[in-house]
């Protein structure tokens, strides 16, 4: 008998998903709250199971973070969230070399004014291609070639300074 699809706040979370010929399994999924408001459902996928940030970063194959909005959000807000990661604790020492690459992120959303409830944004790591950000299935800008760019962006959700610890734990597959 097939497993019942996971549904979170009306969003169907697929498991598995396909990414450039690879089958990725769901690591975990949850809701991002800002104060008392539900903002989006996020789901983390990889081709190997891992339950720690370090384990996820170390998975050599493709990875995906899918974000389905539960409310409308200006693309400027998303770009600022990404830009904030550039100034976070990840940029001590060697990671500072990524700042020129990551500074391009604000331009990534120039063609998208607003993301609407129900729309999905993905951040994919595809070996040989790079980090690809899509909105509504359309790539936003050129890929970022360094895997560390993906890891820094993913760190917004699963890193030591994650904005929402409950979502972080959910993405890492830890049940409440």
Foldseek 3Di string as FASTA:
>chain_A
DDDDFDADPNDTDDAWDDDPRATWGWQFKDFDDDPNDTFWIKTKTDNDHDQALVRVLPRPAKIKIKIATQAKDFVQVVLVLQVVLLVDPVCDPPVVVCVVVSVCSSQLCVVPGMAGHGKMWMWMQHPPQATFIDTNRHTRDGHRHDSVSVSSSVCCCQNPVPPDVVRNNRNSVNDD
